[in-house]
Amino acid sequence: MTPLSCASSQVLHVTPPSGLSDFAMSPDLTDSVITLRPFNREDLPALYAATQESLKMLCAWMTWCTPAYSIDDCCAFLSQTSVEWENDKSYNFAIINAHDDALIGSIALNQIHRTHNSANVGYWVRQSQARRGLASRALRLVTRFGFEELRLDRLEIVVPQGNVASQRVAQKVGAKFEGILRRKLVLNGESHDAIIYALVRP
């Protein structure tokens, strides 16, 4: 598949890996409040606006975000996510308001390890939509996708120890606290301990 070009008129289409059903592309990945779907080229303006709105929070907790985050960086992310989806490397979803199609944030299954059937989960919700339970809704939906469609056995959520809001999201969906990983993450040039939660397939 040709990587996404944000300057082109082509809309991003992603092809699930062999054996994967059309579940990820269907409207079933919703709970009537939010919907998860793959990103497409047309998301660029909304995604960049959401990132800029939430820049201070994202820079504090996300390794990929810096104060100089640009629309070119955003475009590169959209291109990368299409390639990684096709190659079973990661599955990035836009979190969409099911009523007005507004972009709320992003959630991803990444660091997929097929030998052990495990993956990492990362998520963020734009600042204006925080504290509404939307991240936990997205986590429940992506967990269902990971277990039922990707046939993963274990999903890990690794959160900086100071990021209490993201820890609460994991707790709210029933992820189990498994310990503290010392000096696990480097954020803004400083090492941080991290909390690890996990969900396992029934």
N, C-alpha and C. Protein backbone atom coordinates (compact mmCIF):
# COMPACT_ATOMS: atom_id res chain seq x y z
N MET A 1 0.85 -1.20 0.00
CA MET A 1 0.00 0.00 0.00
C MET A 1 0.87 1.24 0.00
N THR A 2 0.52 2.21 -0.82
CA THR A 2 1.26 3.46 -0.86
C THR A 2 1.02 4.25 0.41
N PRO A 3 2.10 4.74 1.07
CA PRO A 3 1.91 5.52 2.28
C PRO A 3 1.03 6.73 2.02
N LEU A 4 0.32 7.14 3.04
CA LEU A 4 -0.56 8.29 2.95
C LEU A 4 0.21 9.56 2.67
N SER A 5 -0.26 10.33 1.72
CA SER A 5 0.29 11.66 1.47
C SER A 5 -0.77 12.68 1.83
N CYS A 6 -0.45 13.54 2.79
CA CYS A 6 -1.44 14.51 3.24
C CYS A 6 -1.74 15.55 2.18
N ALA A 7 -0.86 15.67 1.22
CA ALA A 7 -1.07 16.67 0.18
C ALA A 7 -1.90 16.12 -0.98
N SER A 8 -2.13 14.82 -0.97
CA SER A 8 -2.87 14.22 -2.08
C SER A 8 -4.36 14.26 -1.82
N SER A 9 -5.11 13.90 -2.82
CA SER A 9 -6.57 13.84 -2.66
C SER A 9 -7.02 12.44 -2.26
N GLN A 10 -6.04 11.53 -2.13
CA GLN A 10 -6.38 10.14 -1.80
C GLN A 10 -6.72 10.03 -0.32
N VAL A 11 -7.84 9.37 -0.02
CA VAL A 11 -8.22 9.10 1.37
C VAL A 11 -7.53 7.82 1.80
N LEU A 12 -7.05 7.83 3.03
CA LEU A 12 -6.35 6.66 3.56
C LEU A 12 -7.28 5.46 3.65
N HIS A 13 -6.83 4.34 3.12
CA HIS A 13 -7.51 3.07 3.30
C HIS A 13 -6.51 2.11 3.92
N VAL A 14 -6.92 1.37 4.91
CA VAL A 14 -6.03 0.42 5.55
C VAL A 14 -6.54 -0.99 5.30
N THR A 15 -5.63 -1.90 5.09
CA THR A 15 -5.96 -3.29 4.84
C THR A 15 -5.59 -4.12 6.05
N PRO A 16 -6.56 -4.74 6.72
CA PRO A 16 -6.23 -5.56 7.87
C PRO A 16 -5.32 -6.71 7.46
N PRO A 17 -4.46 -7.19 8.38
CA PRO A 17 -3.61 -8.32 8.07
C PRO A 17 -4.43 -9.57 7.75
N SER A 18 -3.78 -10.52 7.12
CA SER A 18 -4.44 -11.75 6.72
C SER A 18 -5.13 -12.41 7.91
N GLY A 19 -6.40 -12.78 7.71
CA GLY A 19 -7.14 -13.45 8.76
C GLY A 19 -7.94 -12.52 9.64
N LEU A 20 -7.70 -11.22 9.53
CA LEU A 20 -8.43 -10.26 10.36
C LEU A 20 -9.73 -9.90 9.67
N SER A 21 -10.82 -9.91 10.42
CA SER A 21 -12.12 -9.62 9.84
C SER A 21 -12.27 -8.13 9.58
N ASP A 22 -13.43 -7.73 9.08
CA ASP A 22 -13.70 -6.32 8.81
C ASP A 22 -14.19 -5.58 10.04
N PHE A 23 -14.07 -6.20 11.20
CA PHE A 23 -14.60 -5.60 12.43
C PHE A 23 -14.07 -4.19 12.66
N ALA A 24 -12.77 -4.00 12.43
CA ALA A 24 -12.15 -2.70 12.73
C ALA A 24 -12.69 -1.60 11.83
N MET A 25 -13.19 -1.99 10.66
CA MET A 25 -13.65 -0.99 9.72
C MET A 25 -15.17 -0.78 9.81
N SER A 26 -15.81 -1.53 10.69
CA SER A 26 -17.27 -1.48 10.76
C SER A 26 -17.74 -0.49 11.82
N PRO A 27 -19.00 -0.09 11.76
CA PRO A 27 -19.54 0.82 12.78
C PRO A 27 -19.77 0.14 14.12
N ASP A 28 -19.45 -1.16 14.23
CA ASP A 28 -19.67 -1.88 15.48
C ASP A 28 -18.68 -1.48 16.57
N LEU A 29 -17.60 -0.80 16.21
CA LEU A 29 -16.61 -0.39 17.20
C LEU A 29 -17.06 0.93 17.82
N THR A 30 -18.21 0.84 18.49
CA THR A 30 -18.82 2.02 19.08
C THR A 30 -19.67 1.61 20.27
N ASP A 31 -19.90 2.55 21.16
CA ASP A 31 -20.82 2.29 22.28
C ASP A 31 -21.97 3.28 22.29
N SER A 32 -22.18 3.93 21.16
CA SER A 32 -23.22 4.93 20.92
C SER A 32 -22.85 6.31 21.45
N VAL A 33 -21.81 6.41 22.25
CA VAL A 33 -21.30 7.70 22.71
C VAL A 33 -20.06 8.09 21.92
N ILE A 34 -19.14 7.13 21.75
CA ILE A 34 -17.95 7.34 20.92
C ILE A 34 -17.84 6.22 19.91
N THR A 35 -17.07 6.49 18.87
CA THR A 35 -16.75 5.49 17.85
C THR A 35 -15.24 5.50 17.65
N LEU A 36 -14.67 4.33 17.48
CA LEU A 36 -13.26 4.22 17.10
C LEU A 36 -13.19 3.84 15.63
N ARG A 37 -12.31 4.51 14.89
CA ARG A 37 -12.09 4.17 13.49
C ARG A 37 -10.65 4.51 13.12
N PRO A 38 -10.12 3.89 12.07
CA PRO A 38 -8.78 4.27 11.62
C PRO A 38 -8.74 5.73 11.18
N PHE A 39 -7.59 6.34 11.31
CA PHE A 39 -7.41 7.71 10.85
C PHE A 39 -7.42 7.75 9.33
N ASN A 40 -7.79 8.90 8.77
CA ASN A 40 -7.66 9.13 7.34
C ASN A 40 -7.09 10.53 7.10
N ARG A 41 -6.75 10.81 5.86
CA ARG A 41 -6.10 12.08 5.51
C ARG A 41 -6.93 13.28 5.94
N GLU A 42 -8.25 13.14 5.86
CA GLU A 42 -9.12 14.27 6.16
C GLU A 42 -9.13 14.62 7.64
N ASP A 43 -8.55 13.76 8.48
CA ASP A 43 -8.46 14.05 9.91
C ASP A 43 -7.36 15.06 10.25
N LEU A 44 -6.52 15.38 9.30
CA LEU A 44 -5.35 16.21 9.60
C LEU A 44 -5.68 17.52 10.31
N PRO A 45 -6.59 18.34 9.80
CA PRO A 45 -6.87 19.61 10.49
C PRO A 45 -7.41 19.40 11.91
N ALA A 46 -8.33 18.47 12.07
CA ALA A 46 -8.94 18.25 13.38
C ALA A 46 -7.94 17.65 14.36
N LEU A 47 -7.10 16.73 13.89
CA LEU A 47 -6.11 16.12 14.77
C LEU A 47 -5.07 17.14 15.20
N TYR A 48 -4.64 17.96 14.28
CA TYR A 48 -3.65 18.98 14.63
C TYR A 48 -4.24 19.99 15.61
N ALA A 49 -5.49 20.37 15.40
CA ALA A 49 -6.14 21.31 16.32
C ALA A 49 -6.28 20.71 17.71
N ALA A 50 -6.64 19.43 17.78
CA ALA A 50 -6.77 18.77 19.08
C ALA A 50 -5.43 18.69 19.78
N THR A 51 -4.38 18.44 19.02
CA THR A 51 -3.03 18.38 19.60
C THR A 51 -2.61 19.73 20.14
N GLN A 52 -2.83 20.79 19.36
CA GLN A 52 -2.45 22.13 19.81
C GLN A 52 -3.25 22.55 21.04
N GLU A 53 -4.51 22.19 21.08
CA GLU A 53 -5.35 22.51 22.23
C GLU A 53 -4.82 21.87 23.51
N SER A 54 -4.21 20.69 23.36
CA SER A 54 -3.80 19.88 24.50
C SER A 54 -2.28 19.82 24.64
N LEU A 55 -1.57 20.76 24.03
CA LEU A 55 -0.12 20.67 23.90
C LEU A 55 0.59 20.56 25.25
N LYS A 56 0.18 21.35 26.21
CA LYS A 56 0.86 21.33 27.51
C LYS A 56 0.75 19.96 28.16
N MET A 57 -0.43 19.38 28.14
CA MET A 57 -0.65 18.06 28.72
C MET A 57 0.11 16.99 27.96
N LEU A 58 0.07 17.04 26.64
CA LEU A 58 0.73 16.03 25.83
C LEU A 58 2.25 16.09 25.99
N CYS A 59 2.79 17.29 26.04
CA CYS A 59 4.24 17.43 26.21
C CYS A 59 4.69 16.89 27.57
N ALA A 60 3.82 16.97 28.56
CA ALA A 60 4.17 16.49 29.89
C ALA A 60 4.25 14.98 29.96
N TRP A 61 3.41 14.27 29.18
CA TRP A 61 3.28 12.82 29.37
C TRP A 61 3.57 11.98 28.14
N MET A 62 3.68 12.56 26.96
CA MET A 62 3.86 11.79 25.74
C MET A 62 5.25 12.03 25.14
N THR A 63 5.97 10.96 24.84
CA THR A 63 7.32 11.11 24.31
C THR A 63 7.34 11.71 22.91
N TRP A 64 6.24 11.57 22.16
CA TRP A 64 6.23 12.03 20.77
C TRP A 64 5.92 13.51 20.63
N CYS A 65 5.48 14.15 21.69
CA CYS A 65 5.03 15.53 21.58
C CYS A 65 6.05 16.50 22.17
N THR A 66 6.31 17.58 21.44
CA THR A 66 7.19 18.65 21.91
C THR A 66 6.49 19.99 21.69
N PRO A 67 6.95 21.07 22.32
CA PRO A 67 6.33 22.38 22.10
C PRO A 67 6.38 22.82 20.64
N ALA A 68 7.30 22.24 19.86
CA ALA A 68 7.43 22.61 18.45
C ALA A 68 6.63 21.69 17.53
N TYR A 69 5.76 20.87 18.09
CA TYR A 69 4.98 19.93 17.28
C TYR A 69 4.25 20.70 16.17
N SER A 70 4.45 20.25 14.93
CA SER A 70 3.94 21.00 13.78
C SER A 70 2.92 20.19 13.00
N ILE A 71 2.30 20.86 12.04
CA ILE A 71 1.34 20.16 11.20
C ILE A 71 2.04 19.13 10.32
N ASP A 72 3.32 19.36 10.01
CA ASP A 72 4.09 18.36 9.28
C ASP A 72 4.31 17.11 10.12
N ASP A 73 4.55 17.31 11.42
CA ASP A 73 4.66 16.16 12.32
C ASP A 73 3.36 15.37 12.36
N CYS A 74 2.27 16.08 12.38
CA CYS A 74 0.95 15.44 12.41
C CYS A 74 0.71 14.65 11.13
N CYS A 75 1.09 15.23 10.00
CA CYS A 75 0.94 14.55 8.72
C CYS A 75 1.80 13.29 8.68
N ALA A 76 3.02 13.38 9.21
CA ALA A 76 3.91 12.22 9.24
C ALA A 76 3.32 11.11 10.09
N PHE A 77 2.67 11.47 11.19
CA PHE A 77 2.01 10.46 12.02
C PHE A 77 0.92 9.74 11.23
N LEU A 78 0.10 10.49 10.50
CA LEU A 78 -0.97 9.87 9.73
C LEU A 78 -0.41 8.91 8.67
N SER A 79 0.68 9.29 8.05
CA SER A 79 1.31 8.43 7.07
C SER A 79 1.86 7.17 7.72
N GLN A 80 2.51 7.34 8.87
CA GLN A 80 3.09 6.21 9.58
C GLN A 80 2.03 5.23 10.06
N THR A 81 0.92 5.75 10.54
CA THR A 81 -0.09 4.87 11.11
C THR A 81 -0.71 3.97 10.05
N SER A 82 -0.81 4.45 8.82
CA SER A 82 -1.36 3.60 7.76
C SER A 82 -0.42 2.44 7.44
N VAL A 83 0.87 2.71 7.41
CA VAL A 83 1.85 1.66 7.12
C VAL A 83 1.90 0.65 8.25
N GLU A 84 1.90 1.14 9.49
CA GLU A 84 2.01 0.24 10.64
C GLU A 84 0.76 -0.62 10.78
N TRP A 85 -0.40 -0.07 10.44
CA TRP A 85 -1.63 -0.88 10.48
C TRP A 85 -1.51 -2.04 9.49
N GLU A 86 -1.09 -1.73 8.27
CA GLU A 86 -1.01 -2.76 7.24
C GLU A 86 0.00 -3.84 7.62
N ASN A 87 1.06 -3.46 8.32
CA ASN A 87 2.12 -4.40 8.67
C ASN A 87 1.94 -5.02 10.05
N ASP A 88 0.78 -4.84 10.66
CA ASP A 88 0.48 -5.43 11.96
C ASP A 88 1.48 -4.96 13.02
N LYS A 89 1.93 -3.70 12.91
CA LYS A 89 2.86 -3.13 13.88
C LYS A 89 2.13 -2.37 14.98
N SER A 90 1.09 -1.65 14.59
CA SER A 90 0.28 -0.93 15.56
C SER A 90 -1.06 -0.59 14.91
N TYR A 91 -2.05 -0.32 15.77
CA TYR A 91 -3.40 0.01 15.31
C TYR A 91 -3.82 1.29 16.01
N ASN A 92 -3.71 2.40 15.29
CA ASN A 92 -4.08 3.70 15.83
C ASN A 92 -5.50 4.04 15.41
N PHE A 93 -6.30 4.41 16.40
CA PHE A 93 -7.69 4.77 16.15
C PHE A 93 -7.96 6.22 16.52
N ALA A 94 -8.75 6.88 15.71
CA ALA A 94 -9.32 8.16 16.10
C ALA A 94 -10.50 7.89 17.02
N ILE A 95 -10.59 8.65 18.10
CA ILE A 95 -11.75 8.59 18.98
C ILE A 95 -12.71 9.68 18.51
N ILE A 96 -13.89 9.28 18.09
CA ILE A 96 -14.83 10.19 17.44
C ILE A 96 -16.12 10.28 18.25
N ASN A 97 -16.65 11.48 18.40
CA ASN A 97 -17.96 11.66 19.00
C ASN A 97 -19.01 11.01 18.09
N ALA A 98 -19.75 10.06 18.62
CA ALA A 98 -20.70 9.31 17.79
C ALA A 98 -21.87 10.15 17.31
N HIS A 99 -22.08 11.32 17.91
CA HIS A 99 -23.24 12.14 17.56
C HIS A 99 -22.92 13.22 16.54
N ASP A 100 -21.71 13.82 16.63
CA ASP A 100 -21.40 14.92 15.70
C ASP A 100 -20.11 14.70 14.91
N ASP A 101 -19.48 13.52 15.07
CA ASP A 101 -18.26 13.16 14.33
C ASP A 101 -17.05 14.01 14.69
N ALA A 102 -17.10 14.73 15.79
CA ALA A 102 -15.94 15.53 16.21
C ALA A 102 -14.84 14.61 16.72
N LEU A 103 -13.59 14.99 16.43
CA LEU A 103 -12.45 14.19 16.88
C LEU A 103 -12.14 14.52 18.33
N ILE A 104 -12.12 13.48 19.17
CA ILE A 104 -11.95 13.64 20.61
C ILE A 104 -10.52 13.36 21.04
N GLY A 105 -9.85 12.44 20.37
CA GLY A 105 -8.51 12.06 20.76
C GLY A 105 -8.05 10.84 19.98
N SER A 106 -7.15 10.07 20.58
CA SER A 106 -6.57 8.93 19.89
C SER A 106 -6.30 7.80 20.89
N ILE A 107 -6.40 6.57 20.42
CA ILE A 107 -6.04 5.41 21.21
C ILE A 107 -5.38 4.40 20.27
N ALA A 108 -4.37 3.70 20.78
CA ALA A 108 -3.61 2.80 19.92
C ALA A 108 -3.22 1.53 20.63
N LEU A 109 -3.17 0.46 19.87
CA LEU A 109 -2.50 -0.76 20.27
C LEU A 109 -1.17 -0.77 19.53
N ASN A 110 -0.06 -0.71 20.28
CA ASN A 110 1.24 -0.67 19.65
C ASN A 110 2.19 -1.63 20.35
N GLN A 111 3.44 -1.64 19.91
CA GLN A 111 4.44 -2.58 20.45
C GLN A 111 3.87 -4.01 20.47
N ILE A 112 3.24 -4.38 19.37
CA ILE A 112 2.62 -5.70 19.27
C ILE A 112 3.68 -6.79 19.20
N HIS A 113 3.56 -7.76 20.07
CA HIS A 113 4.51 -8.86 20.16
C HIS A 113 3.75 -10.15 19.89
N ARG A 114 3.83 -10.63 18.64
CA ARG A 114 3.04 -11.79 18.26
C ARG A 114 3.53 -13.08 18.91
N THR A 115 4.80 -13.14 19.26
CA THR A 115 5.31 -14.34 19.92
C THR A 115 4.58 -14.57 21.24
N HIS A 116 4.33 -13.48 21.94
CA HIS A 116 3.68 -13.58 23.25
C HIS A 116 2.23 -13.07 23.24
N ASN A 117 1.73 -12.69 22.04
CA ASN A 117 0.35 -12.21 21.91
C ASN A 117 0.04 -11.06 22.88
N SER A 118 0.94 -10.08 22.89
CA SER A 118 0.76 -8.95 23.80
C SER A 118 0.91 -7.64 23.04
N ALA A 119 0.44 -6.57 23.66
CA ALA A 119 0.57 -5.24 23.07
C ALA A 119 0.49 -4.20 24.17
N ASN A 120 0.98 -3.02 23.85
CA ASN A 120 0.86 -1.85 24.72
C ASN A 120 -0.36 -1.03 24.27
N VAL A 121 -0.98 -0.34 25.21
CA VAL A 121 -2.09 0.56 24.88
C VAL A 121 -1.71 1.98 25.28
N GLY A 122 -1.87 2.90 24.36
CA GLY A 122 -1.66 4.32 24.66
C GLY A 122 -2.88 5.12 24.25
N TYR A 123 -3.19 6.17 25.01
CA TYR A 123 -4.40 6.95 24.71
C TYR A 123 -4.27 8.37 25.21
N TRP A 124 -5.00 9.26 24.55
CA TRP A 124 -5.15 10.63 25.04
C TRP A 124 -6.45 11.21 24.52
N VAL A 125 -6.99 12.12 25.30
CA VAL A 125 -8.23 12.82 24.96
C VAL A 125 -7.95 14.32 25.02
N ARG A 126 -8.45 15.05 24.05
CA ARG A 126 -8.19 16.49 23.99
C ARG A 126 -8.68 17.19 25.26
N GLN A 127 -8.03 18.29 25.58
CA GLN A 127 -8.24 18.96 26.86
C GLN A 127 -9.70 19.31 27.12
N SER A 128 -10.39 19.79 26.09
CA SER A 128 -11.78 20.23 26.28
C SER A 128 -12.75 19.08 26.53
N GLN A 129 -12.30 17.84 26.29
CA GLN A 129 -13.17 16.68 26.47
C GLN A 129 -12.74 15.81 27.65
N ALA A 130 -11.80 16.30 28.43
CA ALA A 130 -11.28 15.52 29.56
C ALA A 130 -12.32 15.42 30.67
N ARG A 131 -12.14 14.42 31.53
CA ARG A 131 -12.97 14.20 32.72
C ARG A 131 -14.44 13.91 32.39
N ARG A 132 -14.66 13.28 31.25
CA ARG A 132 -16.02 12.89 30.85
C ARG A 132 -16.15 11.37 30.67
N GLY A 133 -15.11 10.64 31.04
CA GLY A 133 -15.15 9.20 30.92
C GLY A 133 -14.94 8.68 29.50
N LEU A 134 -14.50 9.54 28.59
CA LEU A 134 -14.38 9.13 27.19
C LEU A 134 -13.17 8.24 26.94
N ALA A 135 -12.08 8.49 27.65
CA ALA A 135 -10.90 7.64 27.48
C ALA A 135 -11.17 6.22 27.95
N SER A 136 -11.91 6.08 29.05
CA SER A 136 -12.23 4.73 29.52
C SER A 136 -13.16 4.02 28.55
N ARG A 137 -14.09 4.75 27.93
CA ARG A 137 -14.95 4.15 26.91
C ARG A 137 -14.09 3.65 25.74
N ALA A 138 -13.14 4.47 25.33
CA ALA A 138 -12.26 4.09 24.22
C ALA A 138 -11.42 2.87 24.59
N LEU A 139 -10.94 2.83 25.82
CA LEU A 139 -10.13 1.70 26.26
C LEU A 139 -10.93 0.40 26.25
N ARG A 140 -12.19 0.46 26.67
CA ARG A 140 -13.03 -0.74 26.63
C ARG A 140 -13.20 -1.24 25.19
N LEU A 141 -13.43 -0.31 24.26
CA LEU A 141 -13.63 -0.69 22.87
C LEU A 141 -12.38 -1.27 22.25
N VAL A 142 -11.24 -0.63 22.48
CA VAL A 142 -10.00 -1.12 21.87
C VAL A 142 -9.56 -2.44 22.50
N THR A 143 -9.92 -2.65 23.77
CA THR A 143 -9.65 -3.93 24.41
C THR A 143 -10.43 -5.04 23.72
N ARG A 144 -11.69 -4.77 23.42
CA ARG A 144 -12.50 -5.75 22.71
C ARG A 144 -11.91 -6.08 21.35
N PHE A 145 -11.46 -5.06 20.65
CA PHE A 145 -10.81 -5.26 19.35
C PHE A 145 -9.55 -6.11 19.50
N GLY A 146 -8.72 -5.77 20.49
CA GLY A 146 -7.47 -6.48 20.69
C GLY A 146 -7.67 -7.96 21.01
N PHE A 147 -8.65 -8.25 21.86
CA PHE A 147 -8.87 -9.63 22.27
C PHE A 147 -9.65 -10.43 21.23
N GLU A 148 -10.71 -9.84 20.69
CA GLU A 148 -11.60 -10.59 19.80
C GLU A 148 -11.11 -10.65 18.37
N GLU A 149 -10.49 -9.56 17.89
CA GLU A 149 -10.10 -9.52 16.49
C GLU A 149 -8.62 -9.80 16.28
N LEU A 150 -7.76 -9.23 17.08
CA LEU A 150 -6.33 -9.49 16.94
C LEU A 150 -5.90 -10.75 17.68
N ARG A 151 -6.79 -11.28 18.53
CA ARG A 151 -6.52 -12.50 19.29
C ARG A 151 -5.32 -12.34 20.21
N LEU A 152 -5.14 -11.15 20.75
CA LEU A 152 -4.09 -10.92 21.73
C LEU A 152 -4.53 -11.48 23.08
N ASP A 153 -3.57 -11.83 23.90
CA ASP A 153 -3.86 -12.37 25.23
C ASP A 153 -3.65 -11.35 26.35
N ARG A 154 -2.82 -10.35 26.09
CA ARG A 154 -2.44 -9.43 27.16
C ARG A 154 -2.25 -8.02 26.59
N LEU A 155 -2.84 -7.05 27.28
CA LEU A 155 -2.67 -5.64 26.93
C LEU A 155 -2.07 -4.93 28.13
N GLU A 156 -0.98 -4.22 27.91
CA GLU A 156 -0.29 -3.51 28.98
C GLU A 156 -0.50 -2.01 28.85
N ILE A 157 -0.71 -1.35 29.97
CA ILE A 157 -0.86 0.10 30.02
C ILE A 157 0.23 0.61 30.95
N VAL A 158 1.24 1.28 30.40
CA VAL A 158 2.37 1.78 31.16
C VAL A 158 2.23 3.29 31.26
N VAL A 159 2.08 3.77 32.48
CA VAL A 159 1.72 5.18 32.72
C VAL A 159 2.76 5.83 33.63
N PRO A 160 3.26 7.02 33.28
CA PRO A 160 4.15 7.72 34.21
C PRO A 160 3.50 7.84 35.58
N GLN A 161 4.30 7.70 36.61
CA GLN A 161 3.74 7.66 37.96
C GLN A 161 2.97 8.94 38.30
N GLY A 162 3.34 10.05 37.72
CA GLY A 162 2.65 11.30 38.01
C GLY A 162 1.38 11.52 37.22
N ASN A 163 1.11 10.69 36.23
CA ASN A 163 -0.06 10.87 35.37
C ASN A 163 -1.26 10.15 35.99
N VAL A 164 -1.83 10.77 36.99
CA VAL A 164 -2.91 10.15 37.75
C VAL A 164 -4.16 9.95 36.90
N ALA A 165 -4.45 10.89 36.01
CA ALA A 165 -5.65 10.79 35.18
C ALA A 165 -5.63 9.53 34.32
N SER A 166 -4.49 9.23 33.70
CA SER A 166 -4.39 8.03 32.87
C SER A 166 -4.44 6.76 33.70
N GLN A 167 -3.92 6.82 34.91
CA GLN A 167 -4.02 5.67 35.81
C GLN A 167 -5.48 5.38 36.15
N ARG A 168 -6.25 6.43 36.36
CA ARG A 168 -7.67 6.24 36.69
C ARG A 168 -8.43 5.62 35.54
N VAL A 169 -8.05 5.96 34.32
CA VAL A 169 -8.69 5.35 33.15
C VAL A 169 -8.47 3.84 33.17
N ALA A 170 -7.23 3.42 33.41
CA ALA A 170 -6.93 1.99 33.47
C ALA A 170 -7.69 1.31 34.60
N GLN A 171 -7.72 1.94 35.75
CA GLN A 171 -8.43 1.36 36.89
C GLN A 171 -9.93 1.23 36.61
N LYS A 172 -10.48 2.22 35.93
CA LYS A 172 -11.92 2.25 35.69
C LYS A 172 -12.39 1.09 34.83
N VAL A 173 -11.55 0.60 33.93
CA VAL A 173 -11.95 -0.51 33.07
C VAL A 173 -11.56 -1.87 33.66
N GLY A 174 -10.99 -1.86 34.86
CA GLY A 174 -10.66 -3.11 35.51
C GLY A 174 -9.27 -3.65 35.25
N ALA A 175 -8.38 -2.83 34.68
CA ALA A 175 -7.00 -3.26 34.49
C ALA A 175 -6.34 -3.45 35.86
N LYS A 176 -5.53 -4.49 35.96
CA LYS A 176 -4.92 -4.83 37.23
C LYS A 176 -3.56 -4.16 37.40
N PHE A 177 -3.37 -3.54 38.55
CA PHE A 177 -2.07 -2.98 38.90
C PHE A 177 -1.08 -4.12 39.09
N GLU A 178 0.07 -4.02 38.39
CA GLU A 178 1.06 -5.08 38.50
C GLU A 178 2.39 -4.63 39.08
N GLY A 179 2.56 -3.34 39.29
CA GLY A 179 3.79 -2.91 39.93
C GLY A 179 4.29 -1.57 39.43
N ILE A 180 5.44 -1.19 39.95
CA ILE A 180 6.11 0.05 39.57
C ILE A 180 7.39 -0.31 38.83
N LEU A 181 7.55 0.25 37.66
CA LEU A 181 8.75 0.04 36.85
C LEU A 181 9.67 1.24 37.08
N ARG A 182 10.78 1.00 37.73
CA ARG A 182 11.66 2.10 38.10
C ARG A 182 12.41 2.65 36.89
N ARG A 183 12.41 3.99 36.78
CA ARG A 183 13.13 4.70 35.72
C ARG A 183 12.80 4.10 34.34
N LYS A 184 11.55 3.86 34.12
CA LYS A 184 11.09 3.20 32.89
C LYS A 184 11.01 4.16 31.71
N LEU A 185 10.58 5.40 31.97
CA LEU A 185 10.29 6.34 30.89
C LEU A 185 11.16 7.59 30.99
N VAL A 186 11.53 8.11 29.85
CA VAL A 186 12.25 9.38 29.80
C VAL A 186 11.33 10.42 29.16
N LEU A 187 10.99 11.43 29.93
CA LEU A 187 10.11 12.50 29.48
C LEU A 187 10.82 13.83 29.66
N ASN A 188 10.94 14.57 28.58
CA ASN A 188 11.61 15.86 28.62
C ASN A 188 13.01 15.76 29.23
N GLY A 189 13.70 14.69 28.87
CA GLY A 189 15.07 14.51 29.30
C GLY A 189 15.25 13.97 30.71
N GLU A 190 14.16 13.66 31.41
CA GLU A 190 14.25 13.16 32.77
C GLU A 190 13.62 11.77 32.88
N SER A 191 14.28 10.90 33.67
CA SER A 191 13.76 9.56 33.88
C SER A 191 12.61 9.57 34.89
N HIS A 192 11.60 8.76 34.61
CA HIS A 192 10.43 8.68 35.48
C HIS A 192 10.10 7.22 35.77
N ASP A 193 9.67 6.95 36.99
CA ASP A 193 9.08 5.65 37.30
C ASP A 193 7.73 5.57 36.59
N ALA A 194 7.30 4.35 36.32
CA ALA A 194 6.01 4.15 35.66
C ALA A 194 5.21 3.08 36.38
N ILE A 195 3.90 3.23 36.30
CA ILE A 195 2.96 2.24 36.83
C ILE A 195 2.54 1.34 35.68
N ILE A 196 2.52 0.03 35.91
CA ILE A 196 2.05 -0.88 34.86
C ILE A 196 0.75 -1.54 35.30
N TYR A 197 -0.23 -1.46 34.40
CA TYR A 197 -1.51 -2.15 34.55
C TYR A 197 -1.62 -3.12 33.39
N ALA A 198 -2.43 -4.16 33.56
CA ALA A 198 -2.62 -5.11 32.48
C ALA A 198 -4.05 -5.62 32.44
N LEU A 199 -4.48 -5.91 31.21
CA LEU A 199 -5.74 -6.60 30.96
C LEU A 199 -5.40 -7.89 30.23
N VAL A 200 -6.05 -8.99 30.61
CA VAL A 200 -5.80 -10.26 29.94
C VAL A 200 -7.11 -10.81 29.39
N ARG A 201 -6.97 -11.52 28.27
CA ARG A 201 -8.15 -12.08 27.59
C ARG A 201 -8.77 -13.19 28.44
N PRO A 202 -10.07 -13.15 28.64
CA PRO A 202 -10.72 -14.22 29.41
C PRO A 202 -10.50 -15.58 28.75
